[in-house]
Structures are given as C-alpha cells and as structure tokens.
N, C-alpha and C. Protein backbone atom coordinates (compact mmCIF):
# COMPACT_ATOMS: atom_id res chain seq x y z
N UNK A 1 16.49 -5.50 12.57
CA UNK A 1 16.13 -4.26 12.06
C UNK A 1 17.28 -3.83 11.13
N UNK A 2 16.91 -3.28 9.95
CA UNK A 2 17.87 -2.86 9.03
C UNK A 2 17.86 -1.34 8.94
N UNK A 3 19.05 -0.72 9.31
CA UNK A 3 19.15 0.74 9.28
C UNK A 3 19.77 1.10 8.02
N UNK A 4 19.32 2.24 7.34
CA UNK A 4 19.80 2.62 6.05
C UNK A 4 21.24 3.00 6.04
N UNK A 5 21.88 3.34 7.10
CA UNK A 5 23.29 3.65 7.08
C UNK A 5 24.18 2.60 7.75
N UNK A 6 23.58 1.38 7.97
CA UNK A 6 24.37 0.25 8.51
C UNK A 6 24.02 -0.96 7.66
N UNK A 7 24.72 -1.09 6.53
CA UNK A 7 24.36 -2.06 5.50
C UNK A 7 24.82 -3.47 5.94
N UNK A 8 25.73 -3.61 6.84
CA UNK A 8 26.28 -4.89 7.24
C UNK A 8 25.66 -5.46 8.54
N UNK A 9 25.19 -4.56 9.38
CA UNK A 9 24.83 -4.98 10.67
C UNK A 9 23.30 -5.14 10.88
N UNK A 10 22.81 -6.27 11.42
CA UNK A 10 21.46 -6.46 11.81
C UNK A 10 21.30 -5.99 13.28
N UNK A 11 20.16 -5.30 13.54
CA UNK A 11 19.89 -4.77 14.87
C UNK A 11 18.65 -5.41 15.38
N UNK A 12 18.55 -5.56 16.69
CA UNK A 12 17.40 -6.05 17.44
C UNK A 12 16.78 -4.81 18.13
N UNK A 13 15.47 -4.68 17.99
CA UNK A 13 14.76 -3.55 18.63
C UNK A 13 13.61 -4.17 19.42
N UNK A 14 13.53 -3.85 20.63
CA UNK A 14 12.49 -4.31 21.57
C UNK A 14 11.94 -3.15 22.29
N UNK A 15 10.56 -3.03 22.28
CA UNK A 15 9.94 -1.95 22.94
C UNK A 15 8.62 -2.46 23.62
N UNK A 16 8.58 -2.56 24.83
CA UNK A 16 7.37 -3.01 25.55
C UNK A 16 7.21 -2.20 26.83
N UNK A 17 6.14 -1.39 26.88
CA UNK A 17 5.86 -0.49 28.00
C UNK A 17 6.98 0.43 28.02
N UNK A 18 7.62 0.57 29.22
CA UNK A 18 8.73 1.55 29.39
C UNK A 18 10.03 1.01 28.97
N UNK A 19 10.13 -0.29 28.61
CA UNK A 19 11.37 -0.90 28.18
C UNK A 19 11.60 -0.66 26.80
N UNK A 20 12.84 -0.17 26.45
CA UNK A 20 13.20 0.08 25.05
C UNK A 20 14.69 -0.32 24.93
N UNK A 21 14.90 -1.09 23.92
CA UNK A 21 16.30 -1.60 23.67
C UNK A 21 16.62 -1.71 22.16
N UNK A 22 17.76 -1.19 21.73
CA UNK A 22 18.25 -1.48 20.41
C UNK A 22 19.72 -2.00 20.61
N UNK A 23 20.03 -3.18 19.94
CA UNK A 23 21.36 -3.67 20.09
C UNK A 23 21.79 -4.33 18.75
N UNK A 24 23.04 -4.39 18.55
CA UNK A 24 23.56 -5.13 17.39
C UNK A 24 23.43 -6.68 17.58
N UNK A 25 22.96 -7.28 16.48
CA UNK A 25 22.73 -8.72 16.53
C UNK A 25 23.81 -9.50 15.78
N UNK A 26 24.66 -8.75 15.04
CA UNK A 26 25.64 -9.41 14.20
C UNK A 26 25.46 -8.91 12.68
N UNK A 27 26.21 -9.55 11.82
CA UNK A 27 26.12 -9.16 10.37
C UNK A 27 24.91 -9.88 9.71
N UNK A 28 24.39 -9.17 8.75
CA UNK A 28 23.46 -9.78 7.85
C UNK A 28 24.23 -10.86 7.03
N UNK A 29 23.65 -11.97 6.73
CA UNK A 29 24.32 -12.98 5.96
C UNK A 29 24.81 -12.44 4.65
N UNK A 30 24.08 -11.52 4.03
CA UNK A 30 24.43 -10.93 2.73
C UNK A 30 25.82 -10.18 2.87
N UNK A 31 26.26 -9.77 4.07
CA UNK A 31 27.43 -9.10 4.26
C UNK A 31 28.58 -9.97 4.74
N UNK A 32 28.31 -11.34 4.90
CA UNK A 32 29.33 -12.26 5.40
C UNK A 32 29.98 -12.96 4.19
N UNK A 33 31.31 -12.89 4.19
CA UNK A 33 32.07 -13.59 3.05
C UNK A 33 31.54 -15.04 2.91
N UNK A 34 31.50 -15.55 1.72
CA UNK A 34 30.97 -16.90 1.47
C UNK A 34 31.75 -17.95 2.21
N UNK A 35 33.01 -17.81 2.37
CA UNK A 35 33.81 -18.83 3.02
C UNK A 35 33.53 -18.86 4.54
N UNK A 36 32.73 -17.92 5.11
CA UNK A 36 32.34 -17.98 6.51
C UNK A 36 30.96 -18.44 6.69
N UNK A 37 30.27 -18.88 5.60
CA UNK A 37 28.86 -19.42 5.74
C UNK A 37 28.91 -20.87 6.09
N UNK A 38 27.82 -21.40 6.63
CA UNK A 38 27.71 -22.85 6.91
C UNK A 38 27.86 -23.61 5.62
N UNK A 39 28.37 -24.85 5.72
CA UNK A 39 28.49 -25.66 4.46
C UNK A 39 27.08 -26.11 4.06
N UNK A 40 27.03 -26.62 2.78
CA UNK A 40 25.73 -27.10 2.27
C UNK A 40 25.26 -28.22 3.04
N UNK A 41 26.13 -29.10 3.47
CA UNK A 41 25.63 -30.38 4.14
C UNK A 41 24.81 -30.13 5.36
N UNK A 42 25.07 -29.01 6.04
CA UNK A 42 24.33 -28.70 7.32
C UNK A 42 22.88 -28.43 7.10
N UNK A 43 22.54 -27.95 5.86
CA UNK A 43 21.17 -27.57 5.58
C UNK A 43 20.86 -26.12 5.94
N UNK A 44 21.77 -25.54 6.82
CA UNK A 44 21.54 -24.17 7.31
C UNK A 44 21.67 -23.13 6.15
N UNK A 45 22.56 -23.40 5.20
CA UNK A 45 22.71 -22.54 4.09
C UNK A 45 21.46 -22.41 3.32
N UNK A 46 20.70 -23.50 3.07
CA UNK A 46 19.49 -23.39 2.33
C UNK A 46 18.39 -22.56 3.06
N UNK A 47 18.39 -22.71 4.36
CA UNK A 47 17.46 -21.95 5.13
C UNK A 47 17.76 -20.48 5.12
N UNK A 48 19.05 -20.10 5.25
CA UNK A 48 19.44 -18.73 5.09
C UNK A 48 19.05 -18.18 3.71
N UNK A 49 19.37 -18.88 2.67
CA UNK A 49 18.99 -18.39 1.36
C UNK A 49 17.52 -18.30 1.04
N UNK A 50 16.73 -19.00 1.78
CA UNK A 50 15.22 -18.95 1.64
C UNK A 50 14.71 -17.58 2.02
N UNK A 51 15.44 -16.80 2.83
CA UNK A 51 15.07 -15.49 3.26
C UNK A 51 15.57 -14.38 2.38
N UNK A 52 16.38 -14.74 1.33
CA UNK A 52 17.00 -13.73 0.48
C UNK A 52 16.06 -13.13 -0.49
N UNK A 53 16.25 -11.83 -0.73
CA UNK A 53 15.46 -11.12 -1.77
C UNK A 53 16.57 -10.54 -2.76
N UNK A 54 16.15 -10.38 -3.95
CA UNK A 54 17.11 -9.76 -4.98
C UNK A 54 17.62 -8.39 -4.49
N UNK A 55 18.85 -8.10 -4.62
CA UNK A 55 19.60 -6.90 -4.34
C UNK A 55 19.81 -6.59 -2.84
N UNK A 56 18.97 -7.17 -1.92
CA UNK A 56 19.19 -6.82 -0.51
C UNK A 56 19.54 -8.05 0.33
N UNK A 57 19.47 -9.23 -0.30
CA UNK A 57 19.86 -10.45 0.51
C UNK A 57 18.86 -10.66 1.63
N UNK A 58 19.39 -10.84 2.83
CA UNK A 58 18.44 -11.18 3.95
C UNK A 58 18.12 -9.94 4.75
N UNK A 59 18.49 -8.73 4.35
CA UNK A 59 18.24 -7.51 5.07
C UNK A 59 16.75 -7.25 4.90
N UNK A 60 16.16 -6.89 6.11
CA UNK A 60 14.72 -6.73 6.17
C UNK A 60 14.27 -6.14 7.49
N UNK A 61 13.00 -5.82 7.61
CA UNK A 61 12.39 -5.42 8.85
C UNK A 61 11.40 -6.58 9.21
N UNK A 62 11.34 -6.91 10.48
CA UNK A 62 10.35 -7.75 11.01
C UNK A 62 9.78 -7.01 12.20
N UNK A 63 8.39 -7.04 12.23
CA UNK A 63 7.83 -6.34 13.41
C UNK A 63 6.59 -7.20 13.91
N UNK A 64 6.45 -7.06 15.19
CA UNK A 64 5.36 -7.81 15.89
C UNK A 64 4.67 -6.80 16.82
N UNK A 65 3.40 -6.72 16.77
CA UNK A 65 2.65 -5.84 17.71
C UNK A 65 1.82 -6.80 18.57
N UNK A 66 1.87 -6.61 19.86
CA UNK A 66 1.15 -7.40 20.78
C UNK A 66 0.33 -6.46 21.65
N UNK A 67 -0.96 -6.64 21.71
CA UNK A 67 -1.82 -5.82 22.53
C UNK A 67 -3.25 -6.04 22.29
N UNK A 68 -4.09 -5.35 23.04
CA UNK A 68 -5.51 -5.46 22.85
C UNK A 68 -6.15 -4.21 22.28
N UNK A 69 -7.12 -4.32 21.40
CA UNK A 69 -7.90 -3.15 20.90
C UNK A 69 -7.07 -2.36 19.91
N UNK A 70 -6.09 -2.99 19.22
CA UNK A 70 -5.33 -2.26 18.18
C UNK A 70 -6.04 -2.36 16.87
N UNK A 71 -5.94 -1.20 16.11
CA UNK A 71 -6.59 -1.16 14.87
C UNK A 71 -5.63 -1.59 13.78
N UNK A 72 -5.65 -2.90 13.40
CA UNK A 72 -4.77 -3.54 12.47
C UNK A 72 -4.70 -2.75 11.09
N UNK A 73 -5.86 -2.42 10.63
CA UNK A 73 -5.84 -1.68 9.30
C UNK A 73 -5.21 -0.37 9.38
N UNK A 74 -5.34 0.29 10.47
CA UNK A 74 -4.70 1.65 10.63
C UNK A 74 -3.22 1.51 10.76
N UNK A 75 -2.80 0.51 11.53
CA UNK A 75 -1.33 0.24 11.75
C UNK A 75 -0.70 -0.14 10.43
N UNK A 76 -1.36 -0.98 9.69
CA UNK A 76 -0.84 -1.41 8.30
C UNK A 76 -0.76 -0.29 7.41
N UNK A 77 -1.76 0.61 7.42
CA UNK A 77 -1.75 1.78 6.51
C UNK A 77 -0.65 2.78 6.85
N UNK A 78 -0.34 2.94 8.19
CA UNK A 78 0.75 3.88 8.49
C UNK A 78 2.08 3.23 8.22
N UNK A 79 2.24 1.92 8.35
CA UNK A 79 3.52 1.29 7.92
C UNK A 79 3.64 1.33 6.47
N UNK A 80 2.65 1.03 5.73
CA UNK A 80 2.71 1.05 4.24
C UNK A 80 3.11 2.48 3.78
N UNK A 81 2.59 3.51 4.46
CA UNK A 81 2.87 4.86 3.99
C UNK A 81 4.32 5.22 4.23
N UNK A 82 5.03 4.55 5.14
CA UNK A 82 6.41 4.78 5.38
C UNK A 82 7.36 4.15 4.42
N UNK A 83 6.86 3.23 3.57
CA UNK A 83 7.70 2.50 2.61
C UNK A 83 8.20 3.43 1.56
N UNK A 84 9.43 3.14 1.03
CA UNK A 84 9.98 4.00 -0.01
C UNK A 84 9.18 3.73 -1.32
N UNK A 85 9.08 4.75 -2.13
CA UNK A 85 8.61 4.64 -3.45
C UNK A 85 9.66 3.96 -4.30
N UNK A 86 9.26 3.57 -5.51
CA UNK A 86 10.26 2.88 -6.44
C UNK A 86 11.39 3.91 -6.73
N UNK A 87 11.07 5.16 -6.93
CA UNK A 87 12.06 6.18 -7.26
C UNK A 87 12.95 6.43 -6.06
N UNK A 88 12.48 6.44 -4.83
CA UNK A 88 13.22 6.60 -3.63
C UNK A 88 14.17 5.37 -3.44
N UNK A 89 13.64 4.24 -3.64
CA UNK A 89 14.50 3.08 -3.55
C UNK A 89 15.60 2.99 -4.62
N UNK A 90 15.35 3.46 -5.78
CA UNK A 90 16.36 3.51 -6.78
C UNK A 90 17.47 4.48 -6.43
N UNK A 91 16.99 5.68 -5.93
CA UNK A 91 17.98 6.68 -5.42
C UNK A 91 18.88 6.18 -4.30
N UNK A 92 18.26 5.45 -3.38
CA UNK A 92 18.92 4.85 -2.30
C UNK A 92 19.99 3.80 -2.80
N UNK A 93 19.57 2.93 -3.72
CA UNK A 93 20.45 1.96 -4.31
C UNK A 93 21.60 2.54 -5.07
N UNK A 94 21.36 3.65 -5.82
CA UNK A 94 22.38 4.35 -6.61
C UNK A 94 23.49 4.80 -5.72
N UNK A 95 23.13 5.26 -4.46
CA UNK A 95 24.15 5.82 -3.54
C UNK A 95 24.69 4.77 -2.62
N UNK A 96 23.96 3.68 -2.36
CA UNK A 96 24.32 2.71 -1.30
C UNK A 96 25.71 2.18 -1.50
N UNK A 97 26.08 1.82 -2.72
CA UNK A 97 27.35 1.16 -2.98
C UNK A 97 28.49 2.14 -2.62
N UNK A 98 28.28 3.35 -2.72
CA UNK A 98 29.40 4.34 -2.53
C UNK A 98 29.46 4.81 -1.09
N UNK A 99 28.63 4.39 -0.21
CA UNK A 99 28.67 4.87 1.15
C UNK A 99 29.03 3.68 2.11
N UNK A 100 30.22 3.79 2.69
CA UNK A 100 30.67 2.74 3.63
C UNK A 100 29.92 2.83 4.97
N UNK A 101 29.79 1.75 5.66
CA UNK A 101 29.12 1.74 6.96
C UNK A 101 29.99 2.61 7.84
N UNK A 102 29.37 3.40 8.74
CA UNK A 102 30.13 4.14 9.65
C UNK A 102 30.74 3.17 10.68
N UNK A 103 31.79 3.56 11.34
CA UNK A 103 32.45 2.77 12.33
C UNK A 103 31.44 2.47 13.51
N UNK A 104 31.47 1.24 14.04
CA UNK A 104 30.54 0.94 15.18
C UNK A 104 31.20 1.52 16.42
N UNK A 105 30.43 2.15 17.20
CA UNK A 105 30.89 2.70 18.50
C UNK A 105 31.40 1.60 19.37
N UNK A 106 32.56 1.79 19.90
CA UNK A 106 33.13 0.68 20.82
C UNK A 106 33.78 -0.44 20.11
N UNK A 107 33.68 -0.55 18.73
CA UNK A 107 34.24 -1.61 18.05
C UNK A 107 35.64 -1.34 17.67
N UNK A 108 36.53 -2.35 17.63
CA UNK A 108 37.95 -2.05 17.16
C UNK A 108 37.96 -1.53 15.84
N UNK A 109 38.92 -0.59 15.51
CA UNK A 109 39.03 -0.05 14.21
C UNK A 109 39.57 -1.11 13.22
N UNK A 110 38.98 -1.18 12.10
CA UNK A 110 39.38 -2.06 11.09
C UNK A 110 40.75 -1.70 10.57
N UNK A 111 41.60 -2.70 10.33
CA UNK A 111 43.02 -2.46 9.81
C UNK A 111 42.96 -2.79 8.37
N UNK A 112 43.45 -1.81 7.50
CA UNK A 112 43.54 -2.04 6.05
C UNK A 112 44.45 -3.14 5.72
N UNK A 113 44.13 -4.03 4.84
CA UNK A 113 45.03 -5.08 4.31
C UNK A 113 46.26 -4.41 3.66
N UNK A 114 47.43 -4.86 3.96
CA UNK A 114 48.56 -4.28 3.31
C UNK A 114 48.93 -5.20 2.04
N UNK A 115 49.41 -4.57 1.05
CA UNK A 115 49.70 -5.20 -0.21
C UNK A 115 51.17 -5.24 -0.42
C-alpha cells in the first residue's frame, strides 16, 4: 500500500473479519539507491522494472476482495471515485518533492552525512 505521506515505504494491509493489520514491508524499489538493486544477471532487476510506471516507479495500490455476493460493479465504481483527478495528481506531484517522509515510529534517527 502506498501512503501519500510515506514516499519511500511500502506497507502491507490485511483485513479479514475482525483481523486488521498494517505493517511496513520495506522500501519501494523506486526509493532504493541503484547500487543496492539486484544485478542485471539475476533477472530480478527486469522483473522489478516491469512494474514501474512513469514518475511513481513501483509505488502502487493492490487490492483483493474475497467474499460471496459482492457487487463488483459497485465496488469498482466506489474505488474509481476515490482516484485523484489529473489536477489533484499534478498538485500532489508539485508538492511531493518538497515534503520529506516523516520519521518512522521506532526507527533509528537518520544521521546526516558530514562533509
């Protein structure tokens, strides 16, 4: 799951019955320095890049509904209605680069590189 204020971190969201969980899964590949990526020979790099989209990389939402008697058309219409308009996406992108990710709760504080 991609949160608008967490540009580097991918989250996992699971909700089934009374069970609800959100947890950090690690960094989006788009946020990982190139020298930390798998090498070309492994083939994994090509698989990662196959999920990339212009300007957002591999950041995305993936959702699965499991159940009986669900109205697929109604669910899709509600999800589509939640999408950003082109103007909203442009406004988000205009601000995105100037907003750093907030510190992750419980994570060690980053140390600035000294020059």
